[in-house]
Amino acid sequence: MQLNDMAFDVYVANKKKGFWDDGPFNIGEKIALIHSELSEALDADRAGNYCTVQDVDKLSIDSFKVFVKDTFQDELADTFIRLLDLCGKMGIDIEGHILAKLNYNKTREYKHGKKY
């Protein structure tokens, strides 16, 4: 599945679950929620909470809750889901933007001229 298709599917699924029922959305709130998922990933890393299971997509829901839920990888997945949801809602061609940015970055200097 391509990112744009995934973004649309994530948005449709989240809309069905009521996440877009509150009328006009606040983009700052959506960005804060994306940021909160990254913070949860940081907390999982600090706690050493990593998933070591292979083929996580084939786990039962109960096994997912035991072996995957709230791990670093799980929180990164939540971050992508929130990002894709926003792209789906806004109709952003995220694949095109990523490819354009990667192409542009090839022309930039080492570390883009920054310390880190």
Protein backbone atom coordinates (compact mmCIF):
# COMPACT_ATOMS: atom_id res chain seq x y z
CA MET A 1 0.00 0.00 0.00
CA GLN A 2 1.26 3.46 -0.88
CA LEU A 3 1.42 6.26 1.71
CA ASN A 4 -1.34 8.34 0.11
CA ASP A 5 -3.66 5.32 0.07
CA MET A 6 -2.74 4.53 3.66
CA ALA A 7 -3.37 8.16 4.68
CA PHE A 8 -6.84 8.04 3.16
CA ASP A 9 -7.62 4.68 4.81
CA VAL A 10 -6.39 5.90 8.22
CA TYR A 11 -8.47 9.07 7.90
CA VAL A 12 -11.62 7.14 6.91
CA ALA A 13 -11.15 4.67 9.79
CA ASN A 14 -10.59 7.48 12.31
CA LYS A 15 -13.59 9.38 10.98
CA LYS A 16 -15.74 6.27 11.52
CA LYS A 17 -14.43 6.08 15.11
CA GLY A 18 -15.55 9.68 15.73
CA PHE A 19 -12.20 11.45 15.75
CA TRP A 20 -13.37 14.04 13.22
CA ASP A 21 -16.90 14.66 14.58
CA ASP A 22 -16.18 17.97 16.31
CA GLY A 23 -16.58 20.21 13.25
CA PRO A 24 -13.69 22.39 12.10
CA PHE A 25 -10.41 21.03 13.33
CA ASN A 26 -7.62 22.80 15.14
CA ILE A 27 -4.36 22.05 13.34
CA GLY A 28 -2.35 23.05 16.42
CA GLU A 29 -4.16 20.39 18.43
CA LYS A 30 -3.47 17.76 15.77
CA ILE A 31 0.24 18.67 15.73
CA ALA A 32 0.34 18.54 19.54
CA LEU A 33 -1.16 15.04 19.43
CA ILE A 34 1.50 13.97 16.92
CA HIS A 35 4.14 15.43 19.21
CA SER A 36 2.65 13.59 22.21
CA GLU A 37 3.12 10.27 20.40
CA LEU A 38 6.79 11.10 19.84
CA SER A 39 7.10 11.95 23.54
CA GLU A 40 5.59 8.58 24.39
CA ALA A 41 8.19 6.95 22.10
CA LEU A 42 10.91 8.80 24.00
CA ASP A 43 9.49 7.58 27.31
CA ALA A 44 9.38 4.00 26.02
CA ASP A 45 13.02 4.28 24.93
CA ARG A 46 14.05 5.70 28.29
CA ALA A 47 12.34 2.75 29.98
CA GLY A 48 13.95 0.28 27.57
CA ASN A 49 10.50 -0.80 26.42
CA TYR A 50 11.11 -2.31 22.98
CA CYS A 51 9.18 -4.92 21.05
CA THR A 52 11.23 -8.01 20.25
CA VAL A 53 8.44 -10.02 18.59
CA GLN A 54 8.72 -10.84 14.89
CA ASP A 55 5.70 -10.62 12.57
CA VAL A 56 3.78 -8.29 14.90
CA ASP A 57 1.07 -7.88 12.26
CA LYS A 58 0.14 -11.55 12.74
CA LEU A 59 -0.34 -11.38 16.53
CA SER A 60 -3.71 -11.81 18.17
CA ILE A 61 -5.13 -8.75 19.92
CA ASP A 62 -4.32 -10.28 23.32
CA SER A 63 -0.71 -11.00 22.30
CA PHE A 64 -0.40 -7.49 20.86
CA LYS A 65 -1.47 -6.03 24.21
CA VAL A 66 1.15 -8.11 26.04
CA PHE A 67 4.14 -7.89 23.68
CA VAL A 68 3.70 -4.72 21.61
CA LYS A 69 1.41 -2.17 23.26
CA ASP A 70 3.24 0.94 24.54
CA THR A 71 6.64 -0.13 23.21
CA PHE A 72 8.92 2.24 21.32
CA GLN A 73 7.84 0.73 18.01
CA ASP A 74 4.15 0.97 18.95
CA GLU A 75 4.49 4.66 19.78
CA LEU A 76 6.30 5.33 16.50
CA ALA A 77 3.43 3.59 14.72
CA ASP A 78 0.98 5.86 16.58
CA THR A 79 2.98 8.87 15.39
CA PHE A 80 2.74 7.77 11.76
CA ILE A 81 -0.96 7.00 12.15
CA ARG A 82 -1.64 10.53 13.43
CA LEU A 83 0.51 12.05 10.66
CA LEU A 84 -1.20 10.02 7.97
CA ASP A 85 -4.61 10.81 9.43
CA LEU A 86 -3.90 14.54 9.13
CA CYS A 87 -2.59 14.11 5.58
CA GLY A 88 -5.71 12.13 4.66
CA LYS A 89 -8.01 14.77 6.14
CA MET A 90 -6.21 17.61 4.34
CA GLY A 91 -5.76 15.73 1.06
CA ILE A 92 -1.99 16.17 1.19
CA ASP A 93 0.03 14.24 -1.39
CA ILE A 94 2.49 13.12 1.26
CA GLU A 95 4.27 10.71 -1.09
CA GLY A 96 4.96 13.53 -3.52
CA HIS A 97 6.13 15.87 -0.76
CA ILE A 98 8.47 13.28 0.74
CA LEU A 99 9.98 12.46 -2.66
CA ALA A 100 10.38 16.17 -3.48
CA LYS A 101 12.04 16.85 -0.12
CA LEU A 102 14.41 13.88 -0.44
CA ASN A 103 15.37 15.10 -3.90
CA TYR A 104 15.95 18.62 -2.58
CA ASN A 105 18.00 17.34 0.38
CA LYS A 106 20.42 15.64 -2.03
CA THR A 107 21.51 19.13 -3.12
CA ARG A 108 22.19 20.41 0.40
CA GLU A 109 25.52 20.60 2.18
CA TYR A 110 26.76 18.26 4.91
CA LYS A 111 24.30 18.29 7.84
CA HIS A 112 22.59 21.05 5.89
CA GLY A 113 25.15 23.47 7.33
CA LYS A 114 24.13 22.88 10.92
CA LYS A 115 25.89 21.45 13.96
CA TYR A 116 23.36 18.60 14.36
